[in-house]
Amino acid sequence: MDTDRGGVAGFRLTGRTWAGDLGIWSSAVAADGRRGSTLRFDPRLVADSSARERLIAAVVADRRLTQSGLTGLVPIADLITAQDEVWLITSEPAAPTVRDLLSGAPGSPGPDAGSAATVLMETAWTLLALHSSGLVHGELHPGTVVIAPDGSALLAERGLLDALLGRPPAPERDVAAWASLARGLAATWASADREAAGLLEQVAATASIRGLAAARDALLAGRDLLPSGFTTRARLAETLHRWPAHEAPGRGGPPPPVPAAPDEGEIVTLLHVPRTGEQRTREADGHRPEDVVLRFGPGVPAETTAAQIWRAGRDQQQTEPPSDRLRTAAAPHARRRRGRTILSSAILALMVVGALALWLFRGSSAPLEVTKVDVSAPKKTQGCDTTVRITGVLYTNGAGGEVSYQWKRSDRKEPIVQTDQISSGAASHEVSLDWTVKGEGSFKGTVVLSLLSPAPEGKKIQDRATFTYKCS
């Protein structure tokens, strides 16, 4: 059961804990009832000051991405330290994860092949957005893919382990991890559906050979092999609705102890840059910007809790014992280095936001272009009196506008012409055609999807697909 273990940065720890790669996670509840989570880092990972500085830069980049509109990450509310402990606070729950759901929930139908495809599609989009911004996740696995209450897939712990270990970003490691995730879900959630499992194995191989974007497109093109309505996330949302909220996520063995909440009066954070006026005032008083430390706790309004400043390795000249005088003497140099690091982190964050904005809105000022079309039909032989769903994908340059296309069926002379409006920012647009076949006999149907406009001069953009009908 949930047990009140005190509060941290305006969040009350509820006593539900689980072990992660970086330390101990705990569920938490904000003063307004919103649920979130806290992560108390393993002290060994954050003992080095340079590791803390890299951690701060990673968190700042994450917050900038989230504020600019990227929705595929678990949002971070704060990063704090108190009494040599470092805590990460998220404004949404960081559980359950795919790893938790793999163990099953009592009374739940459990995720299916469509759920697996949803997780893979959404994590692929998020990873591609990160890579376009020059960032990576770094430690993708079932334990860092969180399922939100609406069934969407969010990535947790983005870039944190790389930052703490000082590892350079490696997009290829993300791709390999995504392929491994696809194979694992094929063998578990999709195991009851042979064709769907085969599709997930295929996209895993595609990711390894041709990259993540090609794997995402292959998954989308093979959607006819997946349960209908998988894009609604309904099965995942139902699974979470039945998930016992009062139980800790399954990890095997006894749960880790609940971390004791730090004294609110000792908490400081490093996720705030002083405003210009505030900086000038403090410099006039003889304080440099890197000396500014805002505290929160008793007597400070609750609404400012998450806006305070944590600065790693803050000046401890008045509290350090004599044996630490040598380290204290070097503190001014360390503070200057931290000041430069903070400035560099802010510049990096602005560059990341700009790159992400260019990726999200590329082509918004350019006319709509369709670069390719793909068509797929069911591979299974269709039985008597059936309606065959033909699906197509139009790949665009991300600009918005009107697109016109036609379907040409082998059983009729006149084509079927359709016109759709495409929103700006979408790199692809899905279309479909229903073909009803009745009566006895065998029949091979062929359909050709052709782009009418906007079409490049002198070039045909089209694709075809076939299916087999047999009724005796």
Protein backbone atom coordinates (compact mmCIF):
# COMPACT_ATOMS: atom_id res chain seq x y z
CA MET A 1 0.00 0.00 0.00
CA ASP A 2 1.01 3.64 -0.40
CA THR A 3 2.71 5.12 2.62
CA ASP A 4 3.38 8.80 3.12
CA ARG A 5 7.15 9.14 3.48
CA GLY A 6 7.40 12.93 3.41
CA GLY A 7 7.73 15.37 0.56
CA VAL A 8 10.36 16.55 -1.87
CA ALA A 9 10.08 19.72 -3.98
CA GLY A 10 6.32 19.92 -3.53
CA PHE A 11 5.71 16.21 -4.24
CA ARG A 12 4.67 13.70 -1.58
CA LEU A 13 6.39 10.31 -1.76
CA THR A 14 3.78 7.53 -1.59
CA GLY A 15 6.01 4.58 -0.78
CA ARG A 16 5.73 2.77 -4.13
CA THR A 17 9.30 2.12 -5.33
CA TRP A 18 11.24 0.25 -7.97
CA ALA A 19 14.90 -0.08 -8.89
CA GLY A 20 16.14 1.49 -12.13
CA ASP A 21 19.44 1.73 -13.95
CA LEU A 22 20.32 4.99 -12.21
CA GLY A 23 18.93 4.53 -8.71
CA ILE A 24 15.63 4.16 -6.86
CA TRP A 25 12.39 5.41 -8.38
CA SER A 26 9.41 6.36 -6.20
CA SER A 27 5.86 7.31 -7.04
CA ALA A 28 4.85 10.78 -5.89
CA VAL A 29 1.83 13.08 -5.79
CA ALA A 30 1.91 16.87 -6.21
CA ALA A 31 -0.01 19.22 -3.94
CA ASP A 32 -2.73 19.61 -6.59
CA GLY A 33 -3.19 15.84 -6.90
CA ARG A 34 -1.15 15.33 -10.06
CA ARG A 35 0.87 12.12 -10.05
CA GLY A 36 4.56 12.09 -10.81
CA SER A 37 7.70 10.21 -9.86
CA THR A 38 11.06 10.83 -8.23
CA LEU A 39 14.42 9.23 -8.91
CA ARG A 40 17.12 9.26 -6.24
CA PHE A 41 20.37 8.71 -8.13
CA ASP A 42 22.87 6.10 -7.03
CA PRO A 43 25.43 8.21 -5.10
CA ARG A 44 28.30 6.56 -6.96
CA LEU A 45 27.02 7.90 -10.30
CA VAL A 46 26.79 11.53 -9.17
CA ALA A 47 29.84 11.75 -6.90
CA ASP A 48 31.98 13.45 -9.58
CA SER A 49 31.25 17.16 -10.16
CA SER A 50 31.80 16.89 -13.93
CA ALA A 51 29.25 14.08 -14.06
CA ARG A 52 26.75 16.35 -12.31
CA GLU A 53 27.43 19.13 -14.80
CA ARG A 54 26.81 16.78 -17.73
CA LEU A 55 23.64 15.57 -16.01
CA ILE A 56 22.39 19.16 -15.68
CA ALA A 57 23.05 19.80 -19.39
CA ALA A 58 21.08 16.66 -20.35
CA VAL A 59 18.11 17.64 -18.19
CA VAL A 60 18.12 21.21 -19.52
CA ALA A 61 18.08 19.86 -23.10
CA ASP A 62 15.15 17.56 -22.22
CA ARG A 63 13.12 20.37 -20.71
CA ARG A 64 13.74 22.58 -23.74
CA LEU A 65 12.56 19.80 -26.07
CA THR A 66 9.40 19.23 -24.02
CA GLN A 67 8.65 22.97 -23.88
CA SER A 68 9.07 23.20 -27.66
CA GLY A 69 6.37 20.58 -28.23
CA LEU A 70 8.04 17.16 -28.24
CA THR A 71 5.56 14.88 -26.45
CA GLY A 72 7.40 11.56 -26.49
CA LEU A 73 9.46 12.11 -23.31
CA VAL A 74 8.44 11.79 -19.67
CA PRO A 75 8.45 15.51 -18.69
CA ILE A 76 10.97 16.56 -16.04
CA ALA A 77 9.80 18.99 -13.36
CA ASP A 78 13.04 19.51 -11.45
CA LEU A 79 16.55 18.29 -10.64
CA ILE A 80 17.56 18.88 -7.03
CA THR A 81 20.23 18.06 -4.48
CA ALA A 82 20.15 17.90 -0.71
CA GLN A 83 22.69 16.54 1.73
CA ASP A 84 24.84 15.17 -1.14
CA GLU A 85 21.88 13.31 -2.68
CA VAL A 86 20.64 14.07 -6.20
CA TRP A 87 16.97 13.67 -7.14
CA LEU A 88 15.14 13.87 -10.46
CA ILE A 89 11.44 14.78 -10.33
CA THR A 90 9.01 14.07 -13.19
CA SER A 91 5.65 15.78 -13.57
CA GLU A 92 4.07 12.58 -14.93
CA PRO A 93 4.38 8.99 -13.64
CA ALA A 94 7.42 7.05 -14.81
CA ALA A 95 5.55 3.73 -14.44
CA PRO A 96 4.31 1.29 -15.49
CA THR A 97 6.90 0.52 -18.12
CA VAL A 98 6.85 -2.03 -20.91
CA ARG A 99 8.93 -4.24 -18.62
CA ASP A 100 6.18 -4.08 -16.00
CA LEU A 101 3.45 -4.94 -18.48
CA LEU A 102 5.46 -7.88 -19.82
CA SER A 103 4.99 -9.52 -16.44
CA GLY A 104 1.20 -9.24 -16.83
CA ALA A 105 -1.53 -7.60 -14.80
CA PRO A 106 -4.11 -9.71 -12.96
CA GLY A 107 -7.56 -9.53 -14.55
CA SER A 108 -6.25 -7.69 -17.62
CA PRO A 109 -6.51 -8.94 -21.20
CA GLY A 110 -2.90 -7.88 -21.60
CA PRO A 111 -1.27 -6.04 -24.51
CA ASP A 112 -1.53 -7.59 -27.98
CA ALA A 113 0.30 -7.30 -31.30
CA GLY A 114 -1.38 -3.94 -31.93
CA SER A 115 -0.09 -2.70 -28.58
CA ALA A 116 3.42 -3.74 -29.57
CA ALA A 117 3.10 -1.88 -32.88
CA THR A 118 1.85 1.23 -31.09
CA VAL A 119 4.86 1.22 -28.74
CA LEU A 120 7.29 0.68 -31.59
CA MET A 121 5.74 3.33 -33.83
CA GLU A 122 5.68 6.02 -31.13
CA THR A 123 9.16 5.30 -29.78
CA ALA A 124 10.51 5.35 -33.34
CA TRP A 125 9.03 8.81 -33.95
CA THR A 126 10.51 10.12 -30.69
CA LEU A 127 13.95 8.66 -31.38
CA LEU A 128 13.98 10.11 -34.90
CA ALA A 129 13.09 13.54 -33.48
CA LEU A 130 15.91 13.25 -30.95
CA HIS A 131 18.44 12.17 -33.57
CA SER A 132 17.40 15.07 -35.83
CA SER A 133 18.18 17.38 -32.90
CA GLY A 134 21.63 15.88 -32.37
CA LEU A 135 20.56 13.98 -29.25
CA VAL A 136 20.10 10.31 -28.38
CA HIS A 137 18.40 8.28 -25.69
CA GLY A 138 21.41 6.13 -24.91
CA GLU A 139 19.79 3.42 -22.79
CA LEU A 140 16.58 2.29 -24.50
CA HIS A 141 15.04 -0.93 -23.19
CA PRO A 142 11.65 -2.11 -21.85
CA GLY A 143 12.39 -0.53 -18.47
CA THR A 144 12.78 2.98 -19.94
CA VAL A 145 9.63 2.92 -22.12
CA VAL A 146 6.75 4.23 -19.99
CA ILE A 147 3.09 3.67 -20.88
CA ALA A 148 1.01 6.78 -20.10
CA PRO A 149 -2.61 6.50 -18.92
CA ASP A 150 -3.92 7.13 -22.45
CA GLY A 151 -1.82 4.24 -23.80
CA SER A 152 0.89 6.38 -25.41
CA ALA A 153 4.55 5.41 -25.10
CA LEU A 154 6.98 7.86 -23.45
CA LEU A 155 10.74 7.56 -23.03
CA ALA A 156 12.25 7.98 -19.56
CA GLU A 157 15.87 8.59 -18.48
CA ARG A 158 16.76 10.12 -21.86
CA GLY A 159 20.50 10.76 -22.06
CA LEU A 160 21.02 10.49 -18.32
CA LEU A 161 23.28 7.43 -18.22
CA ASP A 162 25.36 8.72 -21.14
CA ALA A 163 25.77 12.02 -19.30
CA LEU A 164 26.80 10.43 -16.02
CA LEU A 165 29.27 8.04 -17.66
CA GLY A 166 30.60 10.65 -20.09
CA ARG A 167 29.73 8.53 -23.13
CA PRO A 168 29.47 10.27 -26.53
CA PRO A 169 26.06 10.15 -28.22
CA ALA A 170 25.61 7.10 -30.43
CA PRO A 171 22.40 7.00 -32.51
CA GLU A 172 23.29 3.54 -33.77
CA ARG A 173 22.99 2.23 -30.21
CA ASP A 174 19.43 3.55 -30.07
CA VAL A 175 18.62 1.84 -33.37
CA ALA A 176 20.03 -1.49 -32.18
CA ALA A 177 18.08 -1.19 -28.91
CA TRP A 178 14.86 -0.40 -30.79
CA ALA A 179 15.37 -3.46 -33.00
CA SER A 180 15.90 -5.58 -29.88
CA LEU A 181 12.70 -4.15 -28.38
CA ALA A 182 10.81 -5.07 -31.57
CA ARG A 183 12.06 -8.66 -31.43
CA GLY A 184 11.17 -8.93 -27.76
CA LEU A 185 7.61 -7.68 -28.34
CA ALA A 186 7.25 -10.02 -31.32
CA ALA A 187 8.07 -12.95 -29.04
CA THR A 188 5.73 -11.82 -26.24
CA TRP A 189 2.80 -9.51 -26.98
CA ALA A 190 2.54 -10.65 -30.62
CA SER A 191 3.28 -14.35 -30.05
CA ALA A 192 -0.37 -15.38 -30.55
CA ASP A 193 -0.50 -13.74 -34.00
CA ARG A 194 2.02 -15.35 -36.34
CA GLU A 195 1.68 -12.80 -39.15
CA ALA A 196 1.94 -9.81 -36.81
CA ALA A 197 4.96 -11.36 -35.07
CA GLY A 198 6.56 -11.87 -38.47
CA LEU A 199 5.98 -8.22 -39.30
CA LEU A 200 7.69 -7.09 -36.08
CA GLU A 201 10.64 -9.38 -36.81
CA GLN A 202 10.81 -7.90 -40.30
CA VAL A 203 10.86 -4.29 -39.07
CA ALA A 204 13.56 -5.21 -36.53
CA ALA A 205 15.71 -6.53 -39.38
CA THR A 206 14.93 -3.44 -41.45
CA ALA A 207 16.08 -1.17 -38.60
CA SER A 208 19.38 -3.03 -38.35
CA ILE A 209 20.04 -2.84 -42.10
CA ARG A 210 18.36 0.34 -43.37
CA GLY A 211 17.80 2.44 -40.27
CA LEU A 212 14.97 3.53 -38.01
CA ALA A 213 13.01 5.62 -40.53
CA ALA A 214 12.83 2.70 -42.97
CA ALA A 215 11.72 0.38 -40.14
CA ARG A 216 8.97 2.81 -39.12
CA ASP A 217 7.74 2.99 -42.71
CA ALA A 218 7.78 -0.82 -43.04
CA LEU A 219 5.69 -1.10 -39.87
CA LEU A 220 3.19 1.39 -41.22
CA ALA A 221 3.03 -0.34 -44.61
CA GLY A 222 2.28 -3.68 -42.94
CA ARG A 223 -0.59 -2.42 -40.80
CA ASP A 224 -3.05 -4.78 -42.51
CA LEU A 225 -1.36 -7.62 -40.59
CA LEU A 226 -2.15 -5.97 -37.25
CA PRO A 227 -5.38 -5.97 -35.23
CA SER A 228 -7.86 -3.38 -36.45
CA GLY A 229 -7.90 -0.14 -34.50
CA PHE A 230 -4.41 -0.57 -33.05
CA THR A 231 -3.67 3.12 -33.61
CA THR A 232 -6.31 4.08 -31.02
CA ARG A 233 -4.15 2.58 -28.20
CA ALA A 234 -7.39 1.12 -26.79
CA ARG A 235 -5.86 -2.20 -25.68
CA LEU A 236 -2.96 -0.52 -23.87
CA ALA A 237 -5.29 1.98 -22.18
CA GLU A 238 -7.52 -0.88 -21.04
CA THR A 239 -4.52 -2.76 -19.67
CA LEU A 240 -3.46 0.28 -17.67
CA HIS A 241 -7.00 0.84 -16.42
CA ARG A 242 -6.90 -2.63 -14.86
CA TRP A 243 -3.34 -2.25 -13.58
CA PRO A 244 -3.34 -2.31 -9.74
CA ALA A 245 -2.22 1.22 -8.94
CA HIS A 246 -1.45 0.35 -5.33
CA GLU A 247 1.16 -2.29 -6.23
CA ALA A 248 4.76 -1.65 -7.06
CA PRO A 249 5.89 -2.61 -10.58
CA GLY A 250 7.13 -6.18 -10.69
CA ARG A 251 10.89 -6.57 -10.73
CA GLY A 252 11.32 -9.84 -8.93
CA GLY A 253 12.49 -10.09 -5.35
CA PRO A 254 11.63 -7.70 -2.52
CA PRO A 255 11.03 -4.05 -3.46
CA PRO A 256 13.81 -1.57 -2.69
CA PRO A 257 13.41 0.55 0.43
CA VAL A 258 11.58 3.83 0.10
CA PRO A 259 14.13 6.68 -0.03
CA ALA A 260 13.79 9.09 2.86
CA ALA A 261 12.65 12.47 1.61
CA PRO A 262 15.31 15.17 2.15
CA ASP A 263 14.74 18.08 4.47
CA GLU A 264 12.81 20.68 2.43
CA GLY A 265 14.93 23.44 3.93
CA GLU A 266 18.13 21.92 2.49
CA ILE A 267 16.97 21.47 -1.12
CA VAL A 268 18.44 23.54 -3.96
CA THR A 269 18.08 23.24 -7.74
CA LEU A 270 20.12 24.24 -10.80
CA LEU A 271 17.37 24.47 -13.42
CA HIS A 272 16.87 28.25 -13.35
CA VAL A 273 18.91 31.06 -14.83
CA PRO A 274 18.54 34.38 -12.93
CA ARG A 275 16.63 37.12 -14.75
CA THR A 276 18.73 40.04 -16.00
CA GLY A 277 17.49 42.48 -13.37
CA GLU A 278 17.97 39.95 -10.62
CA GLN A 279 21.50 39.25 -11.82
CA ARG A 280 22.50 42.93 -11.91
CA THR A 281 21.12 43.47 -8.40
CA ARG A 282 23.08 40.60 -6.95
CA GLU A 283 26.27 41.59 -8.77
CA ALA A 284 25.90 45.09 -7.29
CA ASP A 285 25.79 43.47 -3.88
CA GLY A 286 29.10 41.70 -4.57
CA HIS A 287 27.68 38.34 -5.69
CA ARG A 288 28.58 36.73 -9.00
CA PRO A 289 25.77 35.00 -10.95
CA GLU A 290 27.12 31.55 -10.14
CA ASP A 291 26.89 32.35 -6.40
CA VAL A 292 23.09 32.78 -6.54
CA VAL A 293 21.30 30.04 -4.63
CA LEU A 294 17.55 30.17 -4.15
CA ARG A 295 16.11 27.85 -1.54
CA PHE A 296 12.65 26.54 -0.98
CA GLY A 297 11.02 24.96 2.00
CA PRO A 298 9.15 26.24 5.07
CA GLY A 299 7.91 29.79 4.55
CA VAL A 300 8.32 29.87 0.75
CA PRO A 301 5.14 29.89 -1.40
CA ALA A 302 4.34 26.42 -2.75
CA GLU A 303 3.92 27.60 -6.34
CA THR A 304 7.61 28.55 -6.57
CA THR A 305 8.90 25.18 -5.41
CA ALA A 306 9.76 23.77 -8.84
CA ALA A 307 11.31 27.06 -9.98
CA GLN A 308 14.20 27.17 -7.52
CA ILE A 309 17.89 26.76 -8.26
CA TRP A 310 20.04 23.77 -7.57
CA ARG A 311 23.73 24.29 -8.05
CA ALA A 312 25.93 21.23 -7.75
CA GLY A 313 28.92 21.65 -5.48
CA ARG A 314 27.66 24.94 -4.05
CA ASP A 315 30.00 26.99 -1.86
CA GLN A 316 30.35 25.18 1.46
CA GLN A 317 33.09 27.30 3.05
CA GLN A 318 31.06 27.85 6.19
CA THR A 319 30.14 24.18 6.60
CA GLU A 320 33.20 22.26 5.49
CA PRO A 321 35.49 20.80 8.17
CA PRO A 322 39.16 21.89 8.36
CA SER A 323 40.25 18.71 6.59
CA ASP A 324 38.52 19.99 3.43
CA ARG A 325 40.37 23.33 3.24
CA LEU A 326 42.28 22.33 0.13
CA ARG A 327 39.04 21.55 -1.71
CA THR A 328 37.51 24.79 -0.40
CA ALA A 329 40.42 26.84 -1.71
CA ALA A 330 39.68 25.56 -5.21
CA ALA A 331 35.98 26.45 -4.98
CA PRO A 332 36.21 29.85 -6.79
CA HIS A 333 37.81 28.16 -9.81
CA ALA A 334 35.16 25.45 -9.74
CA ARG A 335 32.41 28.09 -9.61
CA ARG A 336 33.84 29.85 -12.64
CA ARG A 337 33.94 26.54 -14.51
CA ARG A 338 30.33 25.88 -13.53
CA GLY A 339 29.35 29.33 -14.76
CA ARG A 340 30.91 28.61 -18.14
CA THR A 341 29.27 25.17 -18.22
CA ILE A 342 25.84 26.64 -17.47
CA LEU A 343 26.26 29.19 -20.27
CA SER A 344 27.38 26.47 -22.67
CA SER A 345 24.42 24.31 -21.64
CA ALA A 346 22.01 27.18 -22.28
CA ILE A 347 23.50 27.80 -25.73
CA LEU A 348 23.32 24.07 -26.50
CA ALA A 349 19.70 23.97 -25.39
CA LEU A 350 18.82 26.87 -27.69
CA MET A 351 20.55 25.11 -30.59
CA VAL A 352 18.61 21.93 -29.83
CA VAL A 353 15.31 23.82 -29.79
CA GLY A 354 16.14 25.49 -33.09
CA ALA A 355 17.08 22.18 -34.72
CA LEU A 356 13.91 20.53 -33.44
CA ALA A 357 11.79 23.42 -34.67
CA LEU A 358 13.37 23.10 -38.11
CA TRP A 359 12.64 19.37 -38.11
CA LEU A 360 9.05 19.75 -36.94
CA PHE A 361 8.19 22.61 -39.22
CA ARG A 362 10.46 22.00 -42.17
CA GLY A 363 8.73 22.73 -45.39
CA SER A 364 6.02 24.81 -43.69
CA SER A 365 6.88 27.76 -45.94
CA ALA A 366 7.55 25.57 -49.02
CA PRO A 367 4.83 24.11 -51.24
CA LEU A 368 3.63 20.58 -50.60
CA GLU A 369 5.59 17.87 -52.39
CA VAL A 370 4.84 14.13 -52.50
CA THR A 371 8.04 12.17 -52.96
CA LYS A 372 6.79 8.59 -52.93
CA VAL A 373 3.68 6.40 -52.58
CA ASP A 374 3.43 2.88 -51.18
CA VAL A 375 0.44 0.53 -51.49
CA SER A 376 -0.21 -2.73 -49.67
CA ALA A 377 -2.96 -5.36 -49.86
CA PRO A 378 -3.67 -8.39 -47.66
CA LYS A 379 -1.28 -11.25 -48.30
CA LYS A 380 -3.82 -13.86 -47.18
CA THR A 381 -6.15 -15.34 -49.78
CA GLN A 382 -9.54 -13.70 -49.31
CA GLY A 383 -12.63 -15.87 -48.79
CA CYS A 384 -16.19 -15.64 -50.10
CA ASP A 385 -18.04 -12.32 -50.17
CA THR A 386 -15.46 -10.10 -48.56
CA THR A 387 -14.41 -6.46 -48.54
CA VAL A 388 -10.67 -6.06 -49.07
CA ARG A 389 -8.97 -3.04 -47.48
CA ILE A 390 -6.18 -1.59 -49.65
CA THR A 391 -3.93 0.86 -47.79
CA GLY A 392 -1.56 3.44 -49.15
CA VAL A 393 0.94 5.94 -47.76
CA LEU A 394 1.87 9.24 -49.39
CA TYR A 395 5.27 10.49 -48.26
CA THR A 396 5.65 14.29 -48.24
CA ASN A 397 8.18 17.02 -47.53
CA GLY A 398 6.29 17.99 -44.37
CA ALA A 399 4.46 20.97 -45.87
CA GLY A 400 0.70 21.33 -45.70
CA GLY A 401 -1.69 21.54 -48.62
CA GLU A 402 -4.10 19.67 -50.86
CA VAL A 403 -3.21 16.39 -52.52
CA SER A 404 -5.13 14.62 -55.28
CA TYR A 405 -4.69 10.94 -56.20
CA GLN A 406 -6.50 8.11 -57.97
CA TRP A 407 -7.09 4.41 -57.47
CA LYS A 408 -7.22 2.23 -60.63
CA ARG A 409 -8.83 -1.17 -60.08
CA SER A 410 -8.29 -4.05 -62.51
CA ASP A 411 -12.03 -4.84 -62.58
CA ARG A 412 -13.21 -1.43 -63.82
CA LYS A 413 -12.26 1.14 -66.44
CA GLU A 414 -12.95 4.35 -64.58
CA PRO A 415 -10.46 5.33 -61.86
CA ILE A 416 -11.53 6.48 -58.40
CA VAL A 417 -10.26 10.01 -57.76
CA GLN A 418 -9.90 11.39 -54.22
CA THR A 419 -8.66 14.67 -52.72
CA ASP A 420 -7.34 15.11 -49.16
CA GLN A 421 -6.06 18.02 -47.08
CA ILE A 422 -2.68 17.34 -45.42
CA SER A 423 -1.64 19.20 -42.28
CA SER A 424 1.75 20.88 -42.03
CA GLY A 425 4.40 18.93 -40.13
CA ALA A 426 3.24 15.45 -41.21
CA ALA A 427 5.87 13.47 -43.13
CA SER A 428 3.33 10.94 -44.42
CA HIS A 429 -0.39 10.67 -45.12
CA GLU A 430 -2.40 7.44 -45.04
CA VAL A 431 -5.13 6.62 -47.58
CA SER A 432 -7.31 3.54 -48.09
CA LEU A 433 -9.67 1.88 -50.56
CA ASP A 434 -12.32 -0.77 -49.83
CA TRP A 435 -12.87 -3.31 -52.63
CA THR A 436 -15.86 -5.65 -52.24
CA VAL A 437 -15.75 -9.01 -54.05
CA LYS A 438 -18.66 -11.49 -54.14
CA GLY A 439 -19.51 -14.81 -55.76
CA GLU A 440 -17.84 -18.12 -56.47
CA GLY A 441 -14.59 -18.60 -58.33
CA SER A 442 -11.00 -17.35 -58.22
CA PHE A 443 -9.90 -13.80 -58.83
CA LYS A 444 -6.67 -11.83 -58.66
CA GLY A 445 -7.25 -8.14 -58.02
CA THR A 446 -4.73 -5.44 -58.83
CA VAL A 447 -4.94 -1.82 -57.79
CA VAL A 448 -2.66 1.06 -58.77
CA LEU A 449 -2.40 4.21 -56.64
CA SER A 450 -1.22 7.22 -58.67
CA LEU A 451 -0.47 10.77 -57.58
CA LEU A 452 -2.33 13.44 -59.60
CA SER A 453 -1.20 16.62 -57.86
CA PRO A 454 1.10 18.04 -56.78
CA ALA A 455 3.14 15.87 -59.16
CA PRO A 456 6.64 16.58 -60.50
CA GLU A 457 6.68 17.35 -64.21
CA GLY A 458 7.53 14.40 -66.42
CA LYS A 459 7.57 11.88 -63.56
CA LYS A 460 4.96 9.37 -62.44
CA ILE A 461 4.61 8.65 -58.77
CA GLN A 462 2.62 5.46 -58.26
CA ASP A 463 2.64 2.00 -56.75
CA ARG A 464 0.57 -1.15 -57.13
CA ALA A 465 -0.62 -4.04 -54.98
CA THR A 466 -2.45 -7.32 -55.62
CA PHE A 467 -4.58 -9.76 -53.65
CA THR A 468 -6.13 -13.15 -54.33
CA TYR A 469 -9.81 -14.04 -53.91
CA LYS A 470 -11.06 -17.62 -53.86
CA CYS A 471 -14.58 -18.89 -53.18
CA SER A 472 -15.84 -22.40 -53.98
